[in-house]
């Protein structure tokens, strides 16, 4: 499996026309970074404010999704629900299968077009969409994102990619515009599987740390000082390192539901995942213990993960 951090590898198609669907907290900076990387970029979002904000960044936003599809070779899907991903994929397959160009002239069905799902969805859904697209001659990869909104703004996301090597080669120069680390992990669905594992580990870590802090708090331990100590211990985790960052965790329950759904589908018992699915609800309701004071090396505006490595690709 391959890993990249720089564009310009041999064998890439250097300048595909890129479309970004979903110009929210992730999609908007991604579009900006891809444009800065020298690619021709356009975007689309049903939300008028999001579309206008992208235009202010210099990203063209046509009036309809169909117009965008007629003008791009590579589509990045950065919407925030599985239903929205499915809708965009179906629209792309219909538009590209017709082989019509922007001027309405007939073209090559599929036309070497590629669709990349940046959103977090189930492995099963990802494979279903890839099969649907293949019937229309459209290549599909999954590329769910990790590290959250600040990494998106800085162009330093982690991208977990699944798909055929030849399709990955077409996209990796684009990935490098917004991904500090890009890992090609295998066939379609491999990226989504890795993202599910990431989410399980993340929310389990946040839950365990919260429960430990609540226990220490009952014994009158200074949580800030204890955190400093734990960062030097075997209990050091990314969650503990970033404890003071704002974290509203909007995707936690959804993330864990997807983990359990896929485990059930393959007949795998994951009792820890079931516990985390329930326990994270309390953490979301009460907030992270010791983090509300907002004091610490990671605190302050702009330091937030905006959901960390959760599902949000909006």
Protein backbone atom coordinates (compact mmCIF):
# COMPACT_ATOMS: atom_id res chain seq x y z
CA UNK A 1 0.00 0.00 0.00
CA UNK A 2 1.28 3.44 -0.80
CA UNK A 3 1.64 6.66 1.09
CA UNK A 4 2.29 10.12 -0.35
CA UNK A 5 2.85 13.62 0.89
CA UNK A 6 3.75 15.44 -2.33
CA UNK A 7 2.06 15.83 -5.72
CA UNK A 8 3.66 15.29 -9.10
CA UNK A 9 4.25 11.55 -9.06
CA UNK A 10 4.95 9.88 -12.39
CA UNK A 11 1.91 8.54 -14.21
CA UNK A 12 -0.58 11.10 -12.83
CA UNK A 13 -2.91 13.07 -14.99
CA UNK A 14 -1.60 16.42 -13.80
CA UNK A 15 -4.55 18.75 -14.32
CA UNK A 16 -8.01 17.19 -14.17
CA UNK A 17 -10.86 19.67 -13.88
CA UNK A 18 -12.00 19.34 -10.29
CA UNK A 19 -15.50 19.81 -8.87
CA UNK A 20 -16.27 19.97 -5.16
CA UNK A 21 -19.81 19.24 -3.97
CA UNK A 22 -20.38 20.46 -0.42
CA UNK A 23 -18.75 23.78 0.40
CA UNK A 24 -19.03 23.68 4.16
CA UNK A 25 -16.39 23.55 6.86
CA UNK A 26 -14.36 20.91 5.03
CA UNK A 27 -15.30 21.31 1.37
CA UNK A 28 -14.76 25.05 1.16
CA UNK A 29 -11.11 25.05 2.30
CA UNK A 30 -10.46 21.91 0.24
CA UNK A 31 -11.68 23.71 -2.88
CA UNK A 32 -9.46 26.68 -2.05
CA UNK A 33 -6.38 24.48 -1.55
CA UNK A 34 -6.96 22.56 -4.78
CA UNK A 35 -7.25 25.85 -6.68
CA UNK A 36 -4.04 27.07 -5.05
CA UNK A 37 -2.39 23.86 -6.24
CA UNK A 38 -2.90 24.93 -9.85
CA UNK A 39 -6.01 22.91 -10.69
CA UNK A 40 -9.09 24.29 -12.36
CA UNK A 41 -11.77 24.09 -9.65
CA UNK A 42 -15.48 24.78 -9.33
CA UNK A 43 -17.89 23.96 -6.53
CA UNK A 44 -21.54 23.49 -5.72
CA UNK A 45 -23.67 23.71 -2.59
CA UNK A 46 -27.43 23.93 -2.15
CA UNK A 47 -26.88 26.40 0.69
CA UNK A 48 -26.73 29.90 -0.78
CA UNK A 49 -24.50 31.25 2.01
CA UNK A 50 -21.97 28.45 1.55
CA UNK A 51 -21.94 29.02 -2.20
CA UNK A 52 -21.41 32.75 -1.75
CA UNK A 53 -18.57 32.20 0.74
CA UNK A 54 -16.81 29.93 -1.78
CA UNK A 55 -17.23 32.55 -4.50
CA UNK A 56 -15.61 35.06 -2.16
CA UNK A 57 -12.62 32.68 -2.02
CA UNK A 58 -12.40 32.84 -5.81
CA UNK A 59 -14.01 29.43 -6.43
CA UNK A 60 -16.61 29.51 -9.23
CA UNK A 61 -19.99 28.11 -8.18
CA UNK A 62 -22.44 27.36 -11.03
CA UNK A 63 -26.16 27.54 -10.45
CA UNK A 64 -26.85 23.81 -10.68
CA UNK A 65 -25.13 20.52 -9.94
CA UNK A 66 -25.65 19.50 -13.56
CA UNK A 67 -23.62 22.49 -14.74
CA UNK A 68 -20.78 21.54 -12.41
CA UNK A 69 -20.82 17.91 -13.58
CA UNK A 70 -20.61 18.98 -17.21
CA UNK A 71 -17.42 20.91 -16.49
CA UNK A 72 -15.38 18.52 -14.30
CA UNK A 73 -13.42 15.30 -14.70
CA UNK A 74 -12.87 14.62 -11.01
CA UNK A 75 -15.61 15.15 -8.44
CA UNK A 76 -14.89 15.45 -4.70
CA UNK A 77 -18.02 14.71 -2.67
CA UNK A 78 -17.79 16.49 0.69
CA UNK A 79 -21.40 16.34 1.87
CA UNK A 80 -22.33 15.23 5.36
CA UNK A 81 -24.80 12.33 5.06
CA UNK A 82 -24.89 8.99 3.32
CA UNK A 83 -28.16 9.96 1.64
CA UNK A 84 -26.55 13.09 0.20
CA UNK A 85 -23.55 11.09 -1.03
CA UNK A 86 -25.88 8.65 -2.74
CA UNK A 87 -27.88 11.46 -4.36
CA UNK A 88 -24.77 13.19 -5.72
CA UNK A 89 -23.33 9.90 -6.98
CA UNK A 90 -26.55 9.03 -8.80
CA UNK A 91 -26.66 12.48 -10.39
CA UNK A 92 -23.03 12.20 -11.50
CA UNK A 93 -23.57 8.75 -12.99
CA UNK A 94 -26.65 9.93 -14.88
CA UNK A 95 -24.91 13.04 -16.21
CA UNK A 96 -21.66 11.34 -17.13
CA UNK A 97 -23.27 8.23 -18.59
CA UNK A 98 -25.12 10.45 -21.05
CA UNK A 99 -21.72 11.61 -22.29
CA UNK A 100 -22.95 15.19 -22.74
CA UNK A 101 -20.52 18.06 -22.47
CA UNK A 102 -21.32 21.53 -21.16
CA UNK A 103 -22.44 22.65 -24.63
CA UNK A 104 -24.79 19.68 -24.95
CA UNK A 105 -22.63 17.91 -27.51
CA UNK A 106 -22.26 14.16 -27.27
CA UNK A 107 -19.08 12.91 -25.66
CA UNK A 108 -17.59 9.68 -24.37
CA UNK A 109 -19.86 7.99 -21.77
CA UNK A 110 -18.00 8.02 -18.47
CA UNK A 111 -15.31 10.00 -20.21
CA UNK A 112 -12.56 8.90 -17.81
CA UNK A 113 -14.37 10.67 -14.98
CA UNK A 114 -13.62 9.92 -11.34
CA UNK A 115 -15.72 10.46 -8.21
CA UNK A 116 -14.15 10.57 -4.75
CA UNK A 117 -16.26 10.25 -1.60
CA UNK A 118 -14.62 12.36 1.11
CA UNK A 119 -17.55 11.90 3.49
CA UNK A 120 -17.60 9.09 6.04
CA UNK A 121 -20.15 6.42 5.13
CA UNK A 122 -20.38 2.69 5.70
CA UNK A 123 -18.13 0.31 3.80
CA UNK A 124 -21.21 -1.44 2.48
CA UNK A 125 -22.69 1.77 1.07
CA UNK A 126 -19.33 2.72 -0.43
CA UNK A 127 -19.07 -0.55 -2.31
CA UNK A 128 -22.67 -0.29 -3.52
CA UNK A 129 -22.03 3.19 -4.91
CA UNK A 130 -18.83 2.04 -6.60
CA UNK A 131 -20.73 -0.76 -8.33
CA UNK A 132 -23.42 1.69 -9.44
CA UNK A 133 -20.81 4.04 -10.84
CA UNK A 134 -18.90 1.28 -12.60
CA UNK A 135 -22.03 0.51 -14.62
CA UNK A 136 -21.85 4.08 -15.93
CA UNK A 137 -18.14 3.92 -16.67
CA UNK A 138 -17.27 6.15 -13.71
CA UNK A 139 -14.32 5.34 -11.45
CA UNK A 140 -14.91 5.71 -7.70
CA UNK A 141 -12.60 6.05 -4.72
CA UNK A 142 -13.29 6.61 -1.06
CA UNK A 143 -11.16 9.20 0.70
CA UNK A 144 -12.60 9.94 4.15
CA UNK A 145 -10.83 12.66 6.08
CA UNK A 146 -9.24 12.81 9.52
CA UNK A 147 -7.98 15.61 11.79
CA UNK A 148 -10.94 17.97 11.50
CA UNK A 149 -11.63 21.54 10.48
CA UNK A 150 -8.36 23.19 11.51
CA UNK A 151 -6.40 20.67 9.44
CA UNK A 152 -8.74 21.38 6.51
CA UNK A 153 -8.08 25.11 6.83
CA UNK A 154 -4.32 24.48 6.97
CA UNK A 155 -4.32 21.94 4.13
CA UNK A 156 -3.00 19.27 6.49
CA UNK A 157 -5.71 16.62 6.49
CA UNK A 158 -5.12 12.89 6.69
CA UNK A 159 -6.78 11.19 3.69
CA UNK A 160 -7.57 7.46 3.86
CA UNK A 161 -8.02 6.19 0.31
CA UNK A 162 -9.61 3.07 -1.12
CA UNK A 163 -9.76 2.31 -4.85
CA UNK A 164 -7.96 0.89 -7.86
CA UNK A 165 -4.29 1.92 -8.20
CA UNK A 166 -4.84 3.49 -11.61
CA UNK A 167 -7.71 5.64 -10.27
CA UNK A 168 -5.66 6.63 -7.26
CA UNK A 169 -2.87 7.74 -9.59
CA UNK A 170 -5.26 10.16 -11.29
CA UNK A 171 -6.24 11.73 -7.96
CA UNK A 172 -3.18 11.81 -5.79
CA UNK A 173 -1.89 15.18 -7.01
CA UNK A 174 -5.25 16.65 -6.01
CA UNK A 175 -5.18 14.82 -2.67
CA UNK A 176 -1.76 16.30 -1.92
CA UNK A 177 -3.19 19.83 -2.17
CA UNK A 178 -5.20 19.36 1.03
CA UNK A 179 -3.72 16.22 2.60
CA UNK A 180 -0.52 16.36 4.61
CA UNK A 181 -0.60 12.57 4.67
CA UNK A 182 -2.41 10.44 2.09
CA UNK A 183 -2.56 6.66 2.47
CA UNK A 184 -3.78 4.32 -0.28
CA UNK A 185 -5.00 1.39 1.80
CA UNK A 186 -6.46 -0.96 -0.79
CA UNK A 187 -9.60 -1.50 -2.85
CA UNK A 188 -12.78 0.58 -2.69
CA UNK A 189 -14.08 0.60 0.88
CA UNK A 190 -10.66 0.29 2.52
CA UNK A 191 -10.59 4.00 3.33
CA UNK A 192 -14.02 3.87 4.95
CA UNK A 193 -13.04 0.78 6.95
CA UNK A 194 -9.94 2.56 8.25
CA UNK A 195 -12.03 5.61 9.14
CA UNK A 196 -14.45 3.45 11.15
CA UNK A 197 -11.48 2.04 13.08
CA UNK A 198 -10.13 5.55 13.65
CA UNK A 199 -13.50 6.68 14.99
CA UNK A 200 -13.86 3.68 17.29
CA UNK A 201 -10.40 4.28 18.77
CA UNK A 202 -10.99 8.05 19.05
CA UNK A 203 -14.32 7.90 20.85
CA UNK A 204 -13.17 5.04 23.08
CA UNK A 205 -10.17 7.15 24.09
CA UNK A 206 -12.28 10.25 24.76
CA UNK A 207 -14.78 8.20 26.78
CA UNK A 208 -12.10 6.50 28.89
CA UNK A 209 -10.30 9.79 29.51
CA UNK A 210 -13.54 11.50 30.55
CA UNK A 211 -14.41 8.74 32.99
CA UNK A 212 -10.91 8.82 34.43
CA UNK A 213 -11.08 12.58 34.90
CA UNK A 214 -14.48 12.34 36.61
CA UNK A 215 -13.01 9.79 39.02
CA UNK A 216 -9.97 11.97 39.76
CA UNK A 217 -12.22 14.99 40.24
CA UNK A 218 -14.15 13.17 42.98
CA UNK A 219 -10.87 12.69 44.83
CA UNK A 220 -9.98 16.37 44.56
CA UNK A 221 -7.13 15.93 42.07
CA UNK A 222 -6.11 18.98 40.03
CA UNK A 223 -7.13 17.86 36.55
CA UNK A 224 -4.80 20.21 34.68
CA UNK A 225 -1.80 19.03 36.65
CA UNK A 226 -2.85 15.40 36.32
CA UNK A 227 -3.16 15.83 32.54
CA UNK A 228 0.43 17.10 32.40
CA UNK A 229 1.53 14.03 34.33
CA UNK A 230 -0.41 11.63 32.14
CA UNK A 231 1.11 13.14 29.01
CA UNK A 232 4.43 11.74 30.31
CA UNK A 233 2.91 8.34 31.03
CA UNK A 234 1.87 5.23 29.14
CA UNK A 235 -1.65 6.70 29.12
CA UNK A 236 -0.70 9.44 26.65
CA UNK A 237 -3.18 9.67 23.74
CA UNK A 238 -4.11 12.13 21.02
CA UNK A 239 -7.34 12.82 22.90
CA UNK A 240 -5.37 13.76 26.02
CA UNK A 241 -2.93 15.88 24.03
CA UNK A 242 -5.77 17.91 22.50
CA UNK A 243 -8.04 17.93 25.55
CA UNK A 244 -8.38 21.72 25.72
CA UNK A 245 -9.46 22.14 22.12
CA UNK A 246 -13.16 22.99 21.60
CA UNK A 247 -14.91 19.73 20.70
CA UNK A 248 -18.68 19.58 20.31
CA UNK A 249 -18.60 15.99 18.98
CA UNK A 250 -21.63 16.20 16.67
CA UNK A 251 -20.74 12.99 14.86
CA UNK A 252 -19.88 10.70 17.77
CA UNK A 253 -23.16 8.79 17.96
CA UNK A 254 -23.36 8.45 14.17
CA UNK A 255 -19.77 7.24 14.00
CA UNK A 256 -20.34 4.55 16.60
CA UNK A 257 -23.64 3.48 15.03
CA UNK A 258 -21.82 2.88 11.75
CA UNK A 259 -19.15 0.80 13.51
CA UNK A 260 -21.80 -1.40 15.12
CA UNK A 261 -23.84 -1.63 11.91
CA UNK A 262 -20.91 -2.90 9.89
CA UNK A 263 -19.76 -5.27 12.65
CA UNK A 264 -23.26 -6.74 12.82
CA UNK A 265 -23.34 -7.11 9.04
CA UNK A 266 -20.22 -9.29 9.07
CA UNK A 267 -21.22 -11.15 12.24
CA UNK A 268 -18.48 -9.71 14.42
CA UNK A 269 -19.04 -9.06 18.13
CA UNK A 270 -17.51 -5.76 19.31
CA UNK A 271 -18.65 -5.37 22.93
CA UNK A 272 -16.34 -2.42 23.61
CA UNK A 273 -17.85 -0.56 20.67
CA UNK A 274 -21.32 -1.12 22.12
CA UNK A 275 -20.25 0.33 25.46
CA UNK A 276 -18.63 3.35 23.81
CA UNK A 277 -21.77 3.93 21.72
CA UNK A 278 -23.76 4.38 24.93
CA UNK A 279 -21.09 6.03 27.10
CA UNK A 280 -20.25 8.75 24.56
CA UNK A 281 -23.81 10.08 24.97
CA UNK A 282 -23.03 11.06 28.56
CA UNK A 283 -19.74 12.65 27.54
CA UNK A 284 -21.55 14.72 24.89
CA UNK A 285 -24.21 15.80 27.40
CA UNK A 286 -21.84 16.74 30.22
CA UNK A 287 -18.85 17.94 28.20
CA UNK A 288 -15.22 16.99 28.67
CA UNK A 289 -14.22 17.21 32.35
CA UNK A 290 -11.52 19.78 33.02
CA UNK A 291 -11.75 21.31 29.55
CA UNK A 292 -14.34 24.01 30.20
CA UNK A 293 -11.87 26.35 31.85
CA UNK A 294 -10.18 26.60 28.48
CA UNK A 295 -6.72 26.91 30.01
CA UNK A 296 -3.89 25.02 28.48
CA UNK A 297 -1.41 25.03 25.64
CA UNK A 298 -4.00 23.94 23.06
CA UNK A 299 -6.75 26.36 24.04
CA UNK A 300 -7.83 29.44 22.19
CA UNK A 301 -9.59 30.38 18.97
CA UNK A 302 -8.79 28.27 15.95
CA UNK A 303 -7.38 25.35 17.89
CA UNK A 304 -10.53 23.27 17.74
CA UNK A 305 -10.90 20.03 15.89
CA UNK A 306 -14.52 20.79 15.07
CA UNK A 307 -15.46 17.19 15.69
CA UNK A 308 -11.93 15.84 15.57
CA UNK A 309 -11.59 12.86 13.28
CA UNK A 310 -15.32 12.28 13.27
CA UNK A 311 -17.47 11.88 10.22
CA UNK A 312 -17.98 15.45 9.26
CA UNK A 313 -16.90 16.11 5.74
CA UNK A 314 -19.26 18.94 5.20
